[in-house]
Amino acid sequence: PELEAPQNPLADAVEADDLRASVHAVSMLLDSRLAPGSRFIADDQLTGVEDQLLELCQELCPKAATSLKYAVTQRRHRKASRSNRYNAQLYLESLLHILFDERRRAEPERQATVKDLVNELHRHPAKMWTLREASQILGVSLSYASKRFKAETGKSFINYVTDMRIERAKLMLAHTDMPAQRVAKELGFPPNYLSRVFKQVTGMTPSEYRAKNT
């Protein structure tokens, strides 16, 4: 019997034009390289993830290769021995953005889909998106945008955006020393509102989540 090809969630996500899944795959790769109790990724570990992205870029979107290689070269020239886990995430997300932007530019006349909208949401995961902005991206009415979004994602638009921003808050709480109030400000939440929403979604306060995950 033929052997099954090894699974590569990052390659599958990029090929499927799924930025959310691509970011998740990158996050999992970083977590797998993170030493227990550390918030830092060794440079050679980060280089390994970069190399995977460069290889994928060359295979799936050669036009983005030059820009991606330039961004990687700039980081490597800084010769840091390690990178903060949170900053490494932001950096790798920026590489994914280069790749996804070029793939989208290859189809300039194509009507935006809900998948395109979701990709745009995850390009700016800290933003408080509005349904009006979503409807403008899709080129449809507010009510139709709301119906289409829920039909294709299983969540209302506002719940999806809230959950996405809470996921970003979790990342910041687990991998930075940023006070919860600063996290709320970075995510555009009103003072004290983050704690309430965070507990509704996760069952824990931001402080409890940080204590459990650091």
N, C-alpha and C. Protein backbone atom coordinates (compact mmCIF):
# COMPACT_ATOMS: atom_id res chain seq x y z
N PRO A 1 0.84 -1.21 0.00
CA PRO A 1 0.00 0.00 0.00
C PRO A 1 0.87 1.26 0.00
N GLU A 2 0.35 2.32 -0.68
CA GLU A 2 1.10 3.56 -0.74
C GLU A 2 1.07 4.26 0.61
N LEU A 3 2.20 4.87 0.96
CA LEU A 3 2.26 5.64 2.20
C LEU A 3 1.58 6.98 2.01
N GLU A 4 0.82 7.41 3.01
CA GLU A 4 0.19 8.72 2.94
C GLU A 4 1.25 9.81 3.10
N ALA A 5 1.07 10.90 2.34
CA ALA A 5 2.00 12.03 2.45
C ALA A 5 1.86 12.63 3.84
N PRO A 6 2.97 13.06 4.45
CA PRO A 6 2.89 13.67 5.78
C PRO A 6 2.03 14.93 5.74
N GLN A 7 1.27 15.14 6.80
CA GLN A 7 0.39 16.29 6.85
C GLN A 7 1.20 17.56 7.05
N ASN A 8 0.77 18.61 6.39
CA ASN A 8 1.40 19.91 6.54
C ASN A 8 0.29 20.95 6.63
N PRO A 9 -0.21 21.20 7.86
CA PRO A 9 -1.34 22.13 8.02
C PRO A 9 -1.08 23.51 7.44
N LEU A 10 0.15 24.01 7.53
CA LEU A 10 0.45 25.34 7.01
C LEU A 10 0.31 25.35 5.49
N ALA A 11 0.88 24.37 4.81
CA ALA A 11 0.79 24.30 3.36
C ALA A 11 -0.66 24.16 2.92
N ASP A 12 -1.42 23.31 3.63
CA ASP A 12 -2.83 23.12 3.28
C ASP A 12 -3.62 24.41 3.45
N ALA A 13 -3.34 25.15 4.53
CA ALA A 13 -4.08 26.39 4.80
C ALA A 13 -3.75 27.46 3.76
N VAL A 14 -2.47 27.60 3.42
CA VAL A 14 -2.08 28.60 2.42
C VAL A 14 -2.69 28.25 1.07
N GLU A 15 -2.61 26.98 0.70
CA GLU A 15 -3.16 26.56 -0.60
C GLU A 15 -4.66 26.78 -0.66
N ALA A 16 -5.33 26.67 0.48
CA ALA A 16 -6.78 26.88 0.54
C ALA A 16 -7.14 28.36 0.67
N ASP A 17 -6.13 29.25 0.66
CA ASP A 17 -6.36 30.69 0.84
C ASP A 17 -7.09 30.98 2.14
N ASP A 18 -6.69 30.32 3.19
CA ASP A 18 -7.34 30.46 4.50
C ASP A 18 -6.34 31.10 5.47
N LEU A 19 -6.44 32.42 5.62
CA LEU A 19 -5.48 33.12 6.47
C LEU A 19 -5.65 32.74 7.93
N ARG A 20 -6.89 32.57 8.38
CA ARG A 20 -7.12 32.19 9.78
C ARG A 20 -6.41 30.88 10.10
N ALA A 21 -6.59 29.88 9.25
CA ALA A 21 -5.95 28.59 9.48
C ALA A 21 -4.44 28.68 9.33
N SER A 22 -3.97 29.55 8.44
CA SER A 22 -2.52 29.74 8.26
C SER A 22 -1.90 30.35 9.51
N VAL A 23 -2.56 31.36 10.07
CA VAL A 23 -2.08 31.97 11.31
C VAL A 23 -2.07 30.95 12.44
N HIS A 24 -3.12 30.14 12.50
CA HIS A 24 -3.18 29.10 13.53
C HIS A 24 -2.03 28.10 13.36
N ALA A 25 -1.76 27.70 12.12
CA ALA A 25 -0.68 26.75 11.87
C ALA A 25 0.67 27.33 12.27
N VAL A 26 0.89 28.61 11.96
CA VAL A 26 2.13 29.28 12.35
C VAL A 26 2.24 29.35 13.87
N SER A 27 1.12 29.65 14.52
CA SER A 27 1.10 29.73 15.99
C SER A 27 1.47 28.38 16.60
N MET A 28 0.93 27.30 16.04
CA MET A 28 1.24 25.96 16.54
C MET A 28 2.72 25.63 16.33
N LEU A 29 3.27 26.04 15.19
CA LEU A 29 4.69 25.80 14.94
C LEU A 29 5.54 26.52 15.98
N LEU A 30 5.17 27.77 16.28
CA LEU A 30 5.92 28.52 17.28
C LEU A 30 5.80 27.87 18.66
N ASP A 31 4.59 27.47 19.02
CA ASP A 31 4.40 26.84 20.32
C ASP A 31 5.21 25.55 20.45
N SER A 32 5.33 24.81 19.35
CA SER A 32 6.08 23.56 19.39
C SER A 32 7.57 23.79 19.58
N ARG A 33 8.01 25.01 19.31
CA ARG A 33 9.43 25.35 19.44
C ARG A 33 9.73 26.13 20.71
N LEU A 34 8.69 26.43 21.46
CA LEU A 34 8.85 27.24 22.67
C LEU A 34 9.28 26.37 23.84
N ALA A 35 10.38 26.73 24.47
CA ALA A 35 10.84 25.97 25.64
C ALA A 35 9.84 26.14 26.78
N PRO A 36 9.62 25.11 27.59
CA PRO A 36 8.67 25.20 28.70
C PRO A 36 8.99 26.40 29.60
N GLY A 37 7.96 27.19 29.87
CA GLY A 37 8.14 28.34 30.76
C GLY A 37 8.82 29.54 30.14
N SER A 38 9.09 29.48 28.82
CA SER A 38 9.80 30.58 28.16
C SER A 38 8.85 31.36 27.25
N ARG A 39 9.15 32.64 27.07
CA ARG A 39 8.41 33.46 26.11
C ARG A 39 9.27 33.77 24.88
N PHE A 40 10.36 33.04 24.73
CA PHE A 40 11.28 33.36 23.65
C PHE A 40 11.51 32.16 22.72
N ILE A 41 11.69 32.47 21.45
CA ILE A 41 11.97 31.49 20.42
C ILE A 41 13.42 31.68 19.98
N ALA A 42 14.20 30.59 20.01
CA ALA A 42 15.59 30.68 19.55
C ALA A 42 15.62 31.03 18.06
N ASP A 43 16.66 31.74 17.66
CA ASP A 43 16.74 32.23 16.28
C ASP A 43 16.70 31.08 15.27
N ASP A 44 17.40 29.98 15.56
CA ASP A 44 17.41 28.88 14.60
C ASP A 44 16.03 28.23 14.49
N GLN A 45 15.24 28.28 15.55
CA GLN A 45 13.88 27.76 15.51
C GLN A 45 12.99 28.64 14.63
N LEU A 46 13.13 29.95 14.77
CA LEU A 46 12.35 30.87 13.95
C LEU A 46 12.77 30.76 12.49
N THR A 47 14.06 30.58 12.26
CA THR A 47 14.56 30.42 10.89
C THR A 47 13.91 29.22 10.20
N GLY A 48 13.68 28.16 10.96
CA GLY A 48 13.05 26.98 10.38
C GLY A 48 11.65 27.27 9.87
N VAL A 49 10.88 28.08 10.62
CA VAL A 49 9.53 28.44 10.19
C VAL A 49 9.61 29.37 8.98
N GLU A 50 10.54 30.31 9.00
CA GLU A 50 10.73 31.19 7.84
C GLU A 50 10.99 30.38 6.58
N ASP A 51 11.86 29.39 6.71
CA ASP A 51 12.22 28.57 5.55
C ASP A 51 11.00 27.84 4.99
N GLN A 52 10.13 27.38 5.89
CA GLN A 52 8.90 26.73 5.42
C GLN A 52 8.05 27.70 4.60
N LEU A 53 7.93 28.93 5.10
CA LEU A 53 7.14 29.93 4.39
C LEU A 53 7.77 30.30 3.05
N LEU A 54 9.09 30.42 3.02
CA LEU A 54 9.77 30.74 1.77
C LEU A 54 9.56 29.63 0.75
N GLU A 55 9.63 28.41 1.20
CA GLU A 55 9.43 27.26 0.30
C GLU A 55 7.99 27.25 -0.24
N LEU A 56 7.03 27.50 0.65
CA LEU A 56 5.64 27.55 0.22
C LEU A 56 5.40 28.68 -0.78
N CYS A 57 6.01 29.81 -0.51
CA CYS A 57 5.87 30.96 -1.39
C CYS A 57 6.40 30.64 -2.79
N GLN A 58 7.55 30.02 -2.84
CA GLN A 58 8.15 29.68 -4.12
C GLN A 58 7.25 28.70 -4.89
N GLU A 59 6.60 27.82 -4.16
CA GLU A 59 5.76 26.80 -4.79
C GLU A 59 4.39 27.34 -5.20
N LEU A 60 3.77 28.14 -4.31
CA LEU A 60 2.39 28.54 -4.53
C LEU A 60 2.21 29.95 -5.09
N CYS A 61 3.18 30.81 -4.87
CA CYS A 61 3.05 32.20 -5.33
C CYS A 61 4.43 32.81 -5.57
N PRO A 62 5.12 32.39 -6.64
CA PRO A 62 6.48 32.87 -6.89
C PRO A 62 6.60 34.38 -6.97
N LYS A 63 5.51 35.07 -7.39
CA LYS A 63 5.58 36.53 -7.52
C LYS A 63 5.81 37.22 -6.18
N ALA A 64 5.45 36.55 -5.09
CA ALA A 64 5.65 37.15 -3.77
C ALA A 64 7.01 36.81 -3.18
N ALA A 65 7.77 35.96 -3.86
CA ALA A 65 9.02 35.45 -3.29
C ALA A 65 10.03 36.56 -3.00
N THR A 66 10.16 37.53 -3.90
CA THR A 66 11.15 38.59 -3.71
C THR A 66 10.84 39.40 -2.45
N SER A 67 9.57 39.79 -2.29
CA SER A 67 9.19 40.58 -1.11
C SER A 67 9.36 39.78 0.18
N LEU A 68 9.01 38.50 0.10
CA LEU A 68 9.13 37.65 1.29
C LEU A 68 10.60 37.47 1.66
N LYS A 69 11.43 37.21 0.67
CA LYS A 69 12.86 37.02 0.94
C LYS A 69 13.48 38.28 1.52
N TYR A 70 13.06 39.43 1.03
CA TYR A 70 13.59 40.70 1.54
C TYR A 70 13.25 40.87 3.02
N ALA A 71 11.98 40.60 3.38
CA ALA A 71 11.56 40.74 4.78
C ALA A 71 12.34 39.78 5.68
N VAL A 72 12.53 38.55 5.21
CA VAL A 72 13.28 37.57 5.99
C VAL A 72 14.73 37.99 6.13
N THR A 73 15.33 38.45 5.05
CA THR A 73 16.74 38.88 5.09
C THR A 73 16.93 40.03 6.05
N GLN A 74 15.99 40.97 6.07
CA GLN A 74 16.07 42.11 6.99
C GLN A 74 16.10 41.64 8.44
N ARG A 75 15.24 40.67 8.76
CA ARG A 75 15.23 40.17 10.13
C ARG A 75 16.52 39.45 10.46
N ARG A 76 17.00 38.63 9.54
CA ARG A 76 18.19 37.84 9.82
C ARG A 76 19.44 38.72 9.95
N HIS A 77 19.45 39.85 9.29
CA HIS A 77 20.59 40.76 9.40
C HIS A 77 20.68 41.38 10.79
N ARG A 78 19.56 41.39 11.50
CA ARG A 78 19.59 41.95 12.85
C ARG A 78 20.31 41.03 13.83
N LYS A 79 20.42 39.76 13.47
CA LYS A 79 21.23 38.77 14.20
C LYS A 79 20.86 38.68 15.69
N ALA A 80 19.57 38.73 15.98
CA ALA A 80 19.15 38.52 17.37
C ALA A 80 19.25 37.03 17.69
N SER A 81 19.64 36.71 18.90
CA SER A 81 19.79 35.30 19.28
C SER A 81 18.45 34.64 19.57
N ARG A 82 17.44 35.46 19.86
CA ARG A 82 16.11 34.93 20.14
C ARG A 82 15.07 36.01 19.90
N SER A 83 13.80 35.58 19.80
CA SER A 83 12.71 36.50 19.56
C SER A 83 11.60 36.26 20.57
N ASN A 84 10.99 37.32 21.04
CA ASN A 84 9.83 37.20 21.91
C ASN A 84 8.73 36.45 21.16
N ARG A 85 8.06 35.52 21.84
CA ARG A 85 7.04 34.68 21.20
C ARG A 85 5.95 35.52 20.54
N TYR A 86 5.49 36.55 21.21
CA TYR A 86 4.42 37.39 20.66
C TYR A 86 4.91 38.16 19.43
N ASN A 87 6.11 38.75 19.53
CA ASN A 87 6.64 39.49 18.39
C ASN A 87 6.93 38.58 17.21
N ALA A 88 7.38 37.36 17.51
CA ALA A 88 7.61 36.38 16.44
C ALA A 88 6.31 36.07 15.70
N GLN A 89 5.22 35.98 16.46
CA GLN A 89 3.91 35.74 15.85
C GLN A 89 3.54 36.88 14.91
N LEU A 90 3.69 38.12 15.39
CA LEU A 90 3.35 39.26 14.56
C LEU A 90 4.20 39.30 13.29
N TYR A 91 5.48 38.98 13.43
CA TYR A 91 6.39 38.98 12.29
C TYR A 91 5.98 37.93 11.26
N LEU A 92 5.70 36.71 11.71
CA LEU A 92 5.32 35.65 10.77
C LEU A 92 3.97 35.94 10.13
N GLU A 93 3.08 36.59 10.88
CA GLU A 93 1.81 37.00 10.28
C GLU A 93 2.06 38.01 9.16
N SER A 94 3.02 38.90 9.35
CA SER A 94 3.32 39.88 8.29
C SER A 94 3.83 39.19 7.03
N LEU A 95 4.57 38.09 7.19
CA LEU A 95 5.02 37.32 6.03
C LEU A 95 3.83 36.67 5.32
N LEU A 96 2.91 36.15 6.11
CA LEU A 96 1.70 35.57 5.52
C LEU A 96 0.91 36.62 4.76
N HIS A 97 0.86 37.83 5.27
CA HIS A 97 0.12 38.90 4.60
C HIS A 97 0.72 39.17 3.22
N ILE A 98 2.04 39.17 3.13
CA ILE A 98 2.70 39.38 1.84
C ILE A 98 2.27 38.31 0.84
N LEU A 99 2.28 37.08 1.30
CA LEU A 99 1.92 35.96 0.45
C LEU A 99 0.46 36.01 0.04
N PHE A 100 -0.44 36.25 0.99
CA PHE A 100 -1.87 36.28 0.69
C PHE A 100 -2.24 37.47 -0.18
N ASP A 101 -1.61 38.62 0.04
CA ASP A 101 -1.90 39.79 -0.78
C ASP A 101 -1.57 39.54 -2.24
N GLU A 102 -0.45 38.91 -2.49
CA GLU A 102 -0.04 38.63 -3.86
C GLU A 102 -0.97 37.63 -4.52
N ARG A 103 -1.39 36.62 -3.77
CA ARG A 103 -2.33 35.64 -4.32
C ARG A 103 -3.67 36.30 -4.67
N ARG A 104 -4.11 37.24 -3.84
CA ARG A 104 -5.37 37.94 -4.13
C ARG A 104 -5.23 38.86 -5.33
N ARG A 105 -4.06 39.49 -5.48
CA ARG A 105 -3.84 40.39 -6.62
C ARG A 105 -3.86 39.64 -7.94
N ALA A 106 -3.64 38.34 -7.90
CA ALA A 106 -3.65 37.55 -9.13
C ALA A 106 -5.06 37.42 -9.71
N GLU A 107 -6.08 37.80 -8.91
CA GLU A 107 -7.47 37.71 -9.37
C GLU A 107 -8.17 39.05 -9.13
N PRO A 108 -7.73 40.11 -9.80
CA PRO A 108 -8.23 41.46 -9.49
C PRO A 108 -9.71 41.66 -9.77
N GLU A 109 -10.28 40.93 -10.69
CA GLU A 109 -11.68 41.15 -11.06
C GLU A 109 -12.64 40.26 -10.29
N ARG A 110 -12.13 39.37 -9.49
CA ARG A 110 -13.01 38.43 -8.80
C ARG A 110 -13.82 39.12 -7.71
N GLN A 111 -15.10 38.81 -7.64
CA GLN A 111 -15.97 39.35 -6.60
C GLN A 111 -15.54 38.81 -5.24
N ALA A 112 -15.46 39.69 -4.26
CA ALA A 112 -15.05 39.28 -2.91
C ALA A 112 -16.06 38.29 -2.33
N THR A 113 -15.54 37.27 -1.67
CA THR A 113 -16.37 36.24 -1.03
C THR A 113 -16.29 36.40 0.48
N VAL A 114 -17.09 35.61 1.20
CA VAL A 114 -17.02 35.62 2.66
C VAL A 114 -15.63 35.16 3.11
N LYS A 115 -15.03 34.22 2.37
CA LYS A 115 -13.67 33.79 2.72
C LYS A 115 -12.70 34.96 2.61
N ASP A 116 -12.85 35.79 1.57
CA ASP A 116 -12.00 36.99 1.44
C ASP A 116 -12.22 37.93 2.62
N LEU A 117 -13.47 38.08 3.01
CA LEU A 117 -13.79 38.94 4.15
C LEU A 117 -13.15 38.42 5.42
N VAL A 118 -13.27 37.12 5.66
CA VAL A 118 -12.68 36.52 6.86
C VAL A 118 -11.17 36.69 6.85
N ASN A 119 -10.55 36.53 5.68
CA ASN A 119 -9.10 36.77 5.57
C ASN A 119 -8.76 38.20 5.97
N GLU A 120 -9.59 39.15 5.52
CA GLU A 120 -9.33 40.55 5.85
C GLU A 120 -9.51 40.81 7.35
N LEU A 121 -10.49 40.17 7.95
CA LEU A 121 -10.66 40.30 9.40
C LEU A 121 -9.42 39.82 10.14
N HIS A 122 -8.89 38.68 9.72
CA HIS A 122 -7.74 38.11 10.42
C HIS A 122 -6.43 38.80 10.06
N ARG A 123 -6.47 39.62 9.05
CA ARG A 123 -5.30 40.46 8.77
C ARG A 123 -5.19 41.57 9.81
N HIS A 124 -6.32 41.97 10.38
CA HIS A 124 -6.37 43.02 11.41
C HIS A 124 -7.18 42.48 12.60
N PRO A 125 -6.63 41.49 13.32
CA PRO A 125 -7.42 40.80 14.35
C PRO A 125 -7.73 41.63 15.59
N ALA A 126 -7.07 42.75 15.76
CA ALA A 126 -7.33 43.58 16.94
C ALA A 126 -8.38 44.65 16.66
N LYS A 127 -8.80 44.77 15.42
CA LYS A 127 -9.71 45.85 15.03
C LYS A 127 -11.15 45.54 15.40
N MET A 128 -11.91 46.56 15.80
CA MET A 128 -13.33 46.41 16.05
C MET A 128 -14.07 46.65 14.74
N TRP A 129 -14.18 45.59 13.96
CA TRP A 129 -14.82 45.68 12.65
C TRP A 129 -16.33 45.94 12.80
N THR A 130 -16.89 46.63 11.82
CA THR A 130 -18.33 46.86 11.80
C THR A 130 -18.94 46.08 10.63
N LEU A 131 -20.22 45.80 10.76
CA LEU A 131 -20.92 45.11 9.69
C LEU A 131 -20.95 45.97 8.43
N ARG A 132 -20.97 47.28 8.59
CA ARG A 132 -20.96 48.16 7.42
C ARG A 132 -19.66 47.96 6.63
N GLU A 133 -18.54 47.86 7.33
CA GLU A 133 -17.27 47.62 6.63
C GLU A 133 -17.29 46.27 5.93
N ALA A 134 -17.91 45.28 6.58
CA ALA A 134 -18.01 43.96 5.97
C ALA A 134 -18.85 44.01 4.71
N SER A 135 -19.97 44.72 4.76
CA SER A 135 -20.85 44.80 3.60
C SER A 135 -20.17 45.52 2.44
N GLN A 136 -19.32 46.50 2.77
CA GLN A 136 -18.60 47.23 1.72
C GLN A 136 -17.57 46.32 1.04
N ILE A 137 -16.91 45.48 1.83
CA ILE A 137 -15.93 44.54 1.26
C ILE A 137 -16.64 43.55 0.33
N LEU A 138 -17.81 43.08 0.75
CA LEU A 138 -18.55 42.11 -0.06
C LEU A 138 -19.33 42.77 -1.20
N GLY A 139 -19.57 44.07 -1.08
CA GLY A 139 -20.34 44.77 -2.10
C GLY A 139 -21.82 44.43 -2.07
N VAL A 140 -22.34 44.21 -0.86
CA VAL A 140 -23.76 43.85 -0.71
C VAL A 140 -24.36 44.69 0.42
N SER A 141 -25.67 44.54 0.62
CA SER A 141 -26.35 45.30 1.67
C SER A 141 -25.96 44.78 3.05
N LEU A 142 -26.24 45.57 4.08
CA LEU A 142 -25.94 45.17 5.45
C LEU A 142 -26.66 43.88 5.82
N SER A 143 -27.94 43.80 5.51
CA SER A 143 -28.71 42.62 5.90
C SER A 143 -28.22 41.37 5.16
N TYR A 144 -27.90 41.52 3.88
CA TYR A 144 -27.44 40.36 3.12
C TYR A 144 -26.05 39.93 3.59
N ALA A 145 -25.20 40.91 3.91
CA ALA A 145 -23.87 40.58 4.43
C ALA A 145 -23.99 39.79 5.73
N SER A 146 -24.92 40.22 6.60
CA SER A 146 -25.11 39.55 7.88
C SER A 146 -25.57 38.11 7.67
N LYS A 147 -26.54 37.91 6.77
CA LYS A 147 -27.06 36.57 6.51
C LYS A 147 -25.99 35.68 5.88
N ARG A 148 -25.29 36.20 4.90
CA ARG A 148 -24.26 35.40 4.23
C ARG A 148 -23.16 35.01 5.19
N PHE A 149 -22.75 35.95 6.04
CA PHE A 149 -21.66 35.68 6.96
C PHE A 149 -22.05 34.57 7.94
N LYS A 150 -23.23 34.67 8.51
CA LYS A 150 -23.64 33.64 9.48
C LYS A 150 -23.84 32.30 8.81
N ALA A 151 -24.37 32.31 7.58
CA ALA A 151 -24.62 31.05 6.87
C ALA A 151 -23.31 30.32 6.58
N GLU A 152 -22.24 31.08 6.30
CA GLU A 152 -20.98 30.46 5.89
C GLU A 152 -20.01 30.22 7.05
N THR A 153 -20.16 30.96 8.15
CA THR A 153 -19.23 30.78 9.27
C THR A 153 -19.88 30.13 10.48
N GLY A 154 -21.21 30.15 10.54
CA GLY A 154 -21.90 29.60 11.70
C GLY A 154 -21.99 30.55 12.87
N LYS A 155 -21.46 31.76 12.71
CA LYS A 155 -21.50 32.76 13.78
C LYS A 155 -22.02 34.08 13.23
N SER A 156 -22.65 34.87 14.11
CA SER A 156 -23.00 36.23 13.71
C SER A 156 -21.71 37.02 13.52
N PHE A 157 -21.79 38.09 12.75
CA PHE A 157 -20.60 38.87 12.48
C PHE A 157 -19.99 39.42 13.76
N ILE A 158 -20.81 39.98 14.63
CA ILE A 158 -20.29 40.60 15.85
C ILE A 158 -19.67 39.55 16.77
N ASN A 159 -20.27 38.37 16.86
CA ASN A 159 -19.70 37.32 17.70
C ASN A 159 -18.37 36.82 17.14
N TYR A 160 -18.29 36.72 15.83
CA TYR A 160 -17.05 36.28 15.21
C TYR A 160 -15.92 37.26 15.51
N VAL A 161 -16.20 38.55 15.31
CA VAL A 161 -15.20 39.58 15.55
C VAL A 161 -14.79 39.61 17.02
N THR A 162 -15.76 39.49 17.92
CA THR A 162 -15.45 39.48 19.35
C THR A 162 -14.56 38.29 19.71
N ASP A 163 -14.91 37.11 19.22
CA ASP A 163 -14.10 35.92 19.51
C ASP A 163 -12.69 36.06 18.96
N MET A 164 -12.57 36.64 17.78
CA MET A 164 -11.26 36.84 17.18
C MET A 164 -10.40 37.78 18.02
N ARG A 165 -11.00 38.83 18.52
CA ARG A 165 -10.25 39.80 19.32
C ARG A 165 -9.88 39.22 20.68
N ILE A 166 -10.75 38.36 21.22
CA ILE A 166 -10.43 37.69 22.48
C ILE A 166 -9.25 36.73 22.28
N GLU A 167 -9.20 36.05 21.14
CA GLU A 167 -8.06 35.18 20.84
C GLU A 167 -6.76 35.98 20.82
N ARG A 168 -6.83 37.19 20.27
CA ARG A 168 -5.64 38.06 20.25
C ARG A 168 -5.29 38.48 21.67
N ALA A 169 -6.28 38.76 22.48
CA ALA A 169 -6.03 39.13 23.88
C ALA A 169 -5.35 37.98 24.62
N LYS A 170 -5.79 36.75 24.36
CA LYS A 170 -5.18 35.57 25.00
C LYS A 170 -3.70 35.47 24.64
N LEU A 171 -3.40 35.70 23.38
CA LEU A 171 -2.00 35.65 22.94
C LEU A 171 -1.16 36.71 23.66
N MET A 172 -1.70 37.91 23.79
CA MET A 172 -0.99 39.00 24.44
C MET A 172 -0.82 38.74 25.94
N LEU A 173 -1.84 38.19 26.56
CA LEU A 173 -1.77 37.92 27.99
C LEU A 173 -0.77 36.80 28.30
N ALA A 174 -0.73 35.80 27.43
CA ALA A 174 0.14 34.65 27.68
C ALA A 174 1.60 34.94 27.37
N HIS A 175 1.87 35.86 26.42
CA HIS A 175 3.24 36.00 25.93
C HIS A 175 3.83 37.40 26.06
N THR A 176 3.16 38.28 26.81
CA THR A 176 3.76 39.58 27.12
C THR A 176 3.48 39.89 28.59
N ASP A 177 4.17 40.92 29.08
CA ASP A 177 3.91 41.42 30.45
C ASP A 177 2.95 42.60 30.42
N MET A 178 2.34 42.85 29.29
CA MET A 178 1.45 43.99 29.14
C MET A 178 0.29 43.91 30.13
N PRO A 179 0.06 44.96 30.93
CA PRO A 179 -1.08 44.94 31.85
C PRO A 179 -2.38 44.74 31.09
N ALA A 180 -3.35 44.15 31.77
CA ALA A 180 -4.64 43.87 31.12
C ALA A 180 -5.28 45.15 30.58
N GLN A 181 -5.13 46.25 31.29
CA GLN A 181 -5.71 47.52 30.82
C GLN A 181 -5.06 47.97 29.52
N ARG A 182 -3.76 47.71 29.40
CA ARG A 182 -3.05 48.06 28.16
C ARG A 182 -3.49 47.12 27.03
N VAL A 183 -3.68 45.86 27.34
CA VAL A 183 -4.18 44.91 26.34
C VAL A 183 -5.54 45.40 25.82
N ALA A 184 -6.40 45.80 26.75
CA ALA A 184 -7.72 46.31 26.36
C ALA A 184 -7.58 47.52 25.44
N LYS A 185 -6.68 48.42 25.77
CA LYS A 185 -6.48 49.62 24.95
C LYS A 185 -5.97 49.25 23.57
N GLU A 186 -5.01 48.30 23.51
CA GLU A 186 -4.45 47.88 22.23
C GLU A 186 -5.53 47.28 21.33
N LEU A 187 -6.51 46.65 21.94
CA LEU A 187 -7.58 46.00 21.18
C LEU A 187 -8.80 46.89 20.99
N GLY A 188 -8.73 48.09 21.51
CA GLY A 188 -9.84 49.02 21.32
C GLY A 188 -11.05 48.75 22.19
N PHE A 189 -10.87 47.98 23.28
CA PHE A 189 -11.97 47.74 24.21
C PHE A 189 -12.07 48.90 25.20
N PRO A 190 -13.28 49.33 25.56
CA PRO A 190 -13.42 50.35 26.61
C PRO A 190 -12.84 49.83 27.93
N PRO A 191 -12.42 50.73 28.83
CA PRO A 191 -11.88 50.30 30.13
C PRO A 191 -12.85 49.36 30.84
N ASN A 192 -12.31 48.28 31.40
CA ASN A 192 -13.05 47.27 32.17
C ASN A 192 -13.98 46.39 31.32
N TYR A 193 -14.18 46.76 30.06
CA TYR A 193 -15.07 45.96 29.22
C TYR A 193 -14.40 44.64 28.81
N LEU A 194 -13.08 44.68 28.61
CA LEU A 194 -12.37 43.46 28.21
C LEU A 194 -12.58 42.35 29.24
N SER A 195 -12.46 42.68 30.52
CA SER A 195 -12.59 41.67 31.57
C SER A 195 -13.94 40.98 31.50
N ARG A 196 -14.98 41.76 31.28
CA ARG A 196 -16.33 41.19 31.24
C ARG A 196 -16.51 40.28 30.03
N VAL A 197 -16.09 40.77 28.87
CA VAL A 197 -16.25 39.97 27.65
C VAL A 197 -15.33 38.76 27.67
N PHE A 198 -14.11 38.96 28.17
CA PHE A 198 -13.14 37.88 28.24
C PHE A 198 -13.68 36.73 29.09
N LYS A 199 -14.30 37.07 30.22
CA LYS A 199 -14.84 36.02 31.09
C LYS A 199 -16.04 35.34 30.46
N GLN A 200 -16.85 36.10 29.74
CA GLN A 200 -18.00 35.51 29.05
C GLN A 200 -17.53 34.46 28.05
N VAL A 201 -16.44 34.75 27.34
CA VAL A 201 -15.97 33.87 26.27
C VAL A 201 -15.15 32.71 26.82
N THR A 202 -14.28 32.97 27.80
CA THR A 202 -13.31 31.96 28.25
C THR A 202 -13.65 31.32 29.60
N GLY A 203 -14.54 31.98 30.37
CA GLY A 203 -14.84 31.48 31.70
C GLY A 203 -13.82 31.92 32.74
N MET A 204 -12.83 32.74 32.33
CA MET A 204 -11.80 33.24 33.23
C MET A 204 -11.64 34.74 33.05
N THR A 205 -11.15 35.42 34.07
CA THR A 205 -10.77 36.82 33.91
C THR A 205 -9.42 36.85 33.20
N PRO A 206 -9.03 37.99 32.64
CA PRO A 206 -7.70 38.08 32.04
C PRO A 206 -6.57 37.70 33.00
N SER A 207 -6.69 38.12 34.28
CA SER A 207 -5.66 37.79 35.26
C SER A 207 -5.58 36.28 35.51
N GLU A 208 -6.73 35.65 35.59
CA GLU A 208 -6.75 34.20 35.79
C GLU A 208 -6.17 33.47 34.60
N TYR A 209 -6.49 33.94 33.41
CA TYR A 209 -5.97 33.30 32.20
C TYR A 209 -4.44 33.45 32.15
N ARG A 210 -3.96 34.64 32.48
CA ARG A 210 -2.50 34.87 32.45
C ARG A 210 -1.80 33.97 33.47
N ALA A 211 -2.37 33.88 34.66
CA ALA A 211 -1.74 33.04 35.69
C ALA A 211 -1.69 31.58 35.28
N LYS A 212 -2.69 31.14 34.56
CA LYS A 212 -2.77 29.73 34.14
C LYS A 212 -1.86 29.43 32.95
N ASN A 213 -1.56 30.45 32.14
CA ASN A 213 -0.86 30.20 30.87
C ASN A 213 0.53 30.82 30.79
N THR A 214 1.09 31.22 31.92
CA THR A 214 2.47 31.73 31.91
C THR A 214 3.28 31.01 32.98
